[in-house]
C-alpha atoms as a PDB file:
ATOM      1  CA  MET A   1     222.232 139.070  32.242  1.00  0.00           C
ATOM      2  CA  LYS A   2     221.057 140.384  35.593  1.00  0.00           C
ATOM      3  CA  TYR A   3     224.138 142.593  35.858  1.00  0.00           C
ATOM      4  CA  ILE A   4     223.462 144.084  32.427  1.00  0.00           C
ATOM      5  CA  LEU A   5     219.901 144.927  33.414  1.00  0.00           C
ATOM      6  CA  LYS A   6     221.091 146.356  36.724  1.00  0.00           C
ATOM      7  CA  ASP A   7     223.693 148.476  34.922  1.00  0.00           C
ATOM      8  CA  LEU A   8     221.098 149.784  32.430  1.00  0.00           C
ATOM      9  CA  LEU A   9     218.036 150.213  34.639  1.00  0.00           C
ATOM     10  CA  ILE A  10     219.181 150.913  38.200  1.00  0.00           C
ATOM     11  CA  ASP A  11     222.764 152.182  38.391  1.00  0.00           C
ATOM     12  CA  PRO A  12     222.243 155.321  36.239  1.00  0.00           C
ATOM     13  CA  PHE A  13     219.888 156.709  38.922  1.00  0.00           C
ATOM     14  CA  HIS A  14     222.690 156.541  41.505  1.00  0.00           C
ATOM     15  CA  GLU A  15     224.998 158.675  39.395  1.00  0.00           C
ATOM     16  CA  ARG A  16     224.591 162.452  39.137  1.00  0.00           C
ATOM     17  CA  ASP A  17     224.865 162.518  35.341  1.00  0.00           C
ATOM     18  CA  TRP A  18     221.628 163.888  33.835  1.00  0.00           C
ATOM     19  CA  LEU A  19     222.260 162.166  30.490  1.00  0.00           C
ATOM     20  CA  MET A  20     222.425 158.748  32.167  1.00  0.00           C
ATOM     21  CA  TYR A  21     219.305 159.615  34.173  1.00  0.00           C
ATOM     22  CA  ILE A  22     217.385 160.339  30.929  1.00  0.00           C
ATOM     23  CA  PHE A  23     218.783 157.173  29.323  1.00  0.00           C
ATOM     24  CA  ALA A  24     217.675 155.027  32.285  1.00  0.00           C
ATOM     25  CA  SER A  25     214.225 156.650  32.269  1.00  0.00           C
ATOM     26  CA  LEU A  26     213.832 155.835  28.565  1.00  0.00           C
ATOM     27  CA  MET A  27     214.969 152.252  29.190  1.00  0.00           C
ATOM     28  CA  TRP A  28     212.334 151.884  31.915  1.00  0.00           C
ATOM     29  CA  LEU A  29     209.691 153.298  29.572  1.00  0.00           C
ATOM     30  CA  VAL A  30     210.649 150.831  26.829  1.00  0.00           C
ATOM     31  CA  LEU A  31     210.584 147.962  29.333  1.00  0.00           C
ATOM     32  CA  ILE A  32     207.127 148.948  30.592  1.00  0.00           C
ATOM     33  CA  ILE A  33     205.786 149.189  27.011  1.00  0.00           C
ATOM     34  CA  ILE A  34     207.209 145.762  26.091  1.00  0.00           C
ATOM     35  CA  VAL A  35     205.773 144.110  29.207  1.00  0.00           C
ATOM     36  CA  GLY A  36     202.403 145.792  28.583  1.00  0.00           C
ATOM     37  CA  LEU A  37     202.303 144.565  24.986  1.00  0.00           C
ATOM     38  CA  MET A  38     203.192 141.045  26.095  1.00  0.00           C
ATOM     39  CA  LEU A  39     200.376 141.081  28.669  1.00  0.00           C
ATOM     40  CA  TRP A  40     197.868 142.438  26.141  1.00  0.00           C
ATOM     41  CA  PHE A  41     198.888 139.797  23.582  1.00  0.00           C
ATOM     42  CA  SER A  42     198.546 137.041  26.206  1.00  0.00           C
ATOM     43  CA  VAL A  43     195.049 138.203  27.150  1.00  0.00           C
ATOM     44  CA  TRP A  44     194.101 138.403  23.460  1.00  0.00           C
ATOM     45  CA  ILE A  45     195.348 134.846  22.785  1.00  0.00           C
ATOM     46  CA  ILE A  46     193.474 133.465  25.805  1.00  0.00           C
ATOM     47  CA  ASP A  47     190.355 135.422  24.819  1.00  0.00           C
ATOM     48  CA  SER A  48     190.204 134.244  21.205  1.00  0.00           C
ATOM     49  CA  SER A  49     191.402 130.626  21.354  1.00  0.00           C
ATOM     50  CA  PHE A  50     189.185 127.528  21.302  1.00  0.00           C
ATOM     51  CA  LEU A  51     185.890 129.414  21.297  1.00  0.00           C
ATOM     52  CA  THR A  52     182.602 127.663  20.647  1.00  0.00           C
ATOM     53  CA  VAL A  53     180.724 128.667  17.498  1.00  0.00           C
ATOM     54  CA  LYS A  54     177.226 129.988  18.187  1.00  0.00           C
ATOM     55  CA  GLU A  55     174.313 130.628  15.855  1.00  0.00           C
ATOM     56  CA  SER A  56     172.232 133.720  16.511  1.00  0.00           C
ATOM     57  CA  GLU A  57     170.075 136.250  14.751  1.00  0.00           C
ATOM     58  CA  GLY A  58     171.690 139.595  14.128  1.00  0.00           C
ATOM     59  CA  LYS A  59     170.521 142.910  12.750  1.00  0.00           C
ATOM     60  CA  VAL A  60     172.189 144.943  10.012  1.00  0.00           C
ATOM     61  CA  ILE A  61     172.752 148.426  11.424  1.00  0.00           C
ATOM     62  CA  GLU A  62     175.046 149.910   8.746  1.00  0.00           C
ATOM     63  CA  ARG A  63     176.222 149.096   5.237  1.00  0.00           C
ATOM     64  CA  TYR A  64     179.159 150.499   3.291  1.00  0.00           C
ATOM     65  CA  HIS A  65     180.450 150.414  -0.248  1.00  0.00           C
ATOM     66  CA  ILE A  66     184.041 151.515  -0.711  1.00  0.00           C
ATOM     67  CA  GLN A  67     184.797 152.076  -4.381  1.00  0.00           C
ATOM     68  CA  ALA A  68     187.862 150.632  -6.045  1.00  0.00           C
ATOM     69  CA  TYR A  69     190.943 152.805  -5.875  1.00  0.00           C
ATOM     70  CA  ALA A  70     194.637 152.693  -6.566  1.00  0.00           C
ATOM     71  CA  GLU A  71     197.447 154.039  -4.449  1.00  0.00           C
ATOM     72  CA  THR A  72     201.014 154.670  -5.445  1.00  0.00           C
ATOM     73  CA  ILE A  73     203.976 154.693  -3.103  1.00  0.00           C
ATOM     74  CA  TYR A  74     207.542 155.402  -4.104  1.00  0.00           C
ATOM     75  CA  VAL A  75     210.328 153.051  -3.049  1.00  0.00           C
ATOM     76  CA  VAL A  76     213.937 154.191  -3.114  1.00  0.00           C
ATOM     77  CA  SER A  77     216.228 151.732  -4.873  1.00  0.00           C
ATOM     78  CA  GLY A  78     219.747 153.099  -4.921  1.00  0.00           C
ATOM     79  CA  LYS A  79     219.446 156.632  -6.282  1.00  0.00           C
ATOM     80  CA  VAL A  80     216.175 155.957  -8.122  1.00  0.00           C
ATOM     81  CA  MET A  81     212.619 156.238  -6.812  1.00  0.00           C
ATOM     82  CA  ILE A  82     210.434 153.454  -8.224  1.00  0.00           C
ATOM     83  CA  PRO A  83     206.630 153.835  -8.149  1.00  0.00           C
ATOM     84  CA  VAL A  84     204.722 150.844  -6.787  1.00  0.00           C
ATOM     85  CA  THR A  85     201.009 151.003  -7.558  1.00  0.00           C
ATOM     86  CA  THR A  86     198.532 148.863  -5.632  1.00  0.00           C
ATOM     87  CA  HIS A  87     194.952 148.409  -6.821  1.00  0.00           C
ATOM     88  CA  HIS A  88     192.217 147.832  -4.229  1.00  0.00           C
ATOM     89  CA  ASN A  89     188.949 146.304  -5.460  1.00  0.00           C
ATOM     90  CA  ASP A  90     185.456 147.407  -4.460  1.00  0.00           C
ATOM     91  CA  SER A  91     184.631 146.538  -0.870  1.00  0.00           C
ATOM     92  CA  TYR A  92     181.104 145.736   0.286  1.00  0.00           C
ATOM     93  CA  GLU A  93     180.595 145.485   4.020  1.00  0.00           C
ATOM     94  CA  VAL A  94     177.841 145.516   6.608  1.00  0.00           C
ATOM     95  CA  VAL A  95     177.897 146.143  10.337  1.00  0.00           C
ATOM     96  CA  ILE A  96     175.905 143.505  12.210  1.00  0.00           C
ATOM     97  CA  GLU A  97     174.736 143.783  15.798  1.00  0.00           C
ATOM     98  CA  ILE A  98     174.182 140.745  18.028  1.00  0.00           C
ATOM     99  CA  ASN A  99     173.408 141.241  21.736  1.00  0.00           C
ATOM    100  CA  GLU A 100     174.662 144.855  21.677  1.00  0.00           C
ATOM    101  CA  LEU A 101     178.030 143.785  20.170  1.00  0.00           C
ATOM    102  CA  THR A 102     178.934 144.722  16.599  1.00  0.00           C
ATOM    103  CA  ASP A 103     181.231 143.341  13.931  1.00  0.00           C
ATOM    104  CA  ILE A 104     181.986 144.227  10.321  1.00  0.00           C
ATOM    105  CA  PHE A 105     181.344 141.498   7.748  1.00  0.00           C
ATOM    106  CA  PHE A 106     182.529 141.671   4.128  1.00  0.00           C
ATOM    107  CA  LEU A 107     180.144 140.526   1.373  1.00  0.00           C
ATOM    108  CA  GLN A 108     180.048 139.933  -2.351  1.00  0.00           C
ATOM    109  CA  GLN A 109     178.285 142.646  -4.363  1.00  0.00           C
ATOM    110  CA  SER A 110     175.247 140.456  -5.133  1.00  0.00           C
ATOM    111  CA  ASP A 111     174.683 139.710  -1.424  1.00  0.00           C
ATOM    112  CA  TRP A 112     175.298 143.348  -0.476  1.00  0.00           C
ATOM    113  CA  ASN A 113     172.631 144.470  -2.993  1.00  0.00           C
ATOM    114  CA  ASN A 114     170.088 142.108  -1.374  1.00  0.00           C
ATOM    115  CA  ILE A 115     170.555 143.368   2.161  1.00  0.00           C
ATOM    116  CA  ASN A 116     169.238 146.569   3.748  1.00  0.00           C
ATOM    117  CA  ILE A 117     169.663 148.338   7.049  1.00  0.00           C
ATOM    118  CA  GLY A 118     167.364 146.756   9.614  1.00  0.00           C
ATOM    119  CA  ASP A 119     167.317 143.300   7.955  1.00  0.00           C
ATOM    120  CA  LYS A 120     167.678 140.259  10.176  1.00  0.00           C
ATOM    121  CA  VAL A 121     170.493 137.835   9.316  1.00  0.00           C
ATOM    122  CA  TYR A 122     171.431 134.515  10.863  1.00  0.00           C
ATOM    123  CA  CYS A 123     175.075 134.430  11.893  1.00  0.00           C
ATOM    124  CA  LYS A 124     177.645 131.895  12.962  1.00  0.00           C
ATOM    125  CA  HIS A 125     179.833 133.763  15.425  1.00  0.00           C
ATOM    126  CA  THR A 126     182.095 133.549  18.447  1.00  0.00           C
ATOM    127  CA  ASN A 127     182.304 135.768  21.519  1.00  0.00           C
ATOM    128  CA  GLY A 128     185.482 136.616  23.385  1.00  0.00           C
ATOM    129  CA  ARG A 129     185.689 135.368  26.951  1.00  0.00           C
ATOM    130  CA  ILE A 130     187.463 138.334  28.542  1.00  0.00           C
ATOM    131  CA  LEU A 131     187.286 141.282  26.143  1.00  0.00           C
ATOM    132  CA  ASN A 132     183.588 140.787  25.256  1.00  0.00           C
ATOM    133  CA  THR A 133     184.201 140.903  21.503  1.00  0.00           C
ATOM    134  CA  LEU A 134     182.203 139.549  18.573  1.00  0.00           C
ATOM    135  CA  ARG A 135     183.638 137.783  15.524  1.00  0.00           C
ATOM    136  CA  ILE A 136     181.163 136.811  12.807  1.00  0.00           C
ATOM    137  CA  GLU A 137     182.309 133.844  10.722  1.00  0.00           C
ATOM    138  CA  SER A 138     179.424 133.536   8.260  1.00  0.00           C
ATOM    139  CA  ILE A 139     175.930 134.864   7.685  1.00  0.00           C
ATOM    140  CA  TYR A 140     172.737 133.615   6.090  1.00  0.00           C
ATOM    141  CA  ILE A 141     170.472 136.260   4.588  1.00  0.00           C
ATOM    142  CA  ASN A 142     166.798 135.510   5.200  1.00  0.00           C
ATOM    143  CA  LYS A 143     164.606 137.553   2.842  1.00  0.00           C
ATOM    144  CA  HIS A 144     161.360 136.305   4.533  1.00  0.00           C
ATOM    145  CA  ASN A 145     161.437 138.814   7.419  1.00  0.00           C
END
């Protein structure tokens, strides 16, 4: 294995062939991207595993309603293009801020109708250790603000 990597990554730079030089440069680029993705994934796993659940008060800073829509893509099957239509239901979401961190939380329509921008909500959430992220697991809407 080490000889294969040496042949692909190091030896082409010793030759005077410009095509091999470009090939080796692309191989190094691919290797750097793969190692970077592996490091990022490792940090993400460490950051989001075995976190304690906290309860805090958050504030609704934005609310969105995305209407239902359908999208059609065409899939080639042999010499025929077959339409595949996907229907997306209405989406009701709010952006909640806790300690200057924000997260999007999806709601049912009845809950979304009862919440306004600026309302306080009680949230069960977790915070990332390294990346300083917020993940809201559930909310309780208190209409006695």
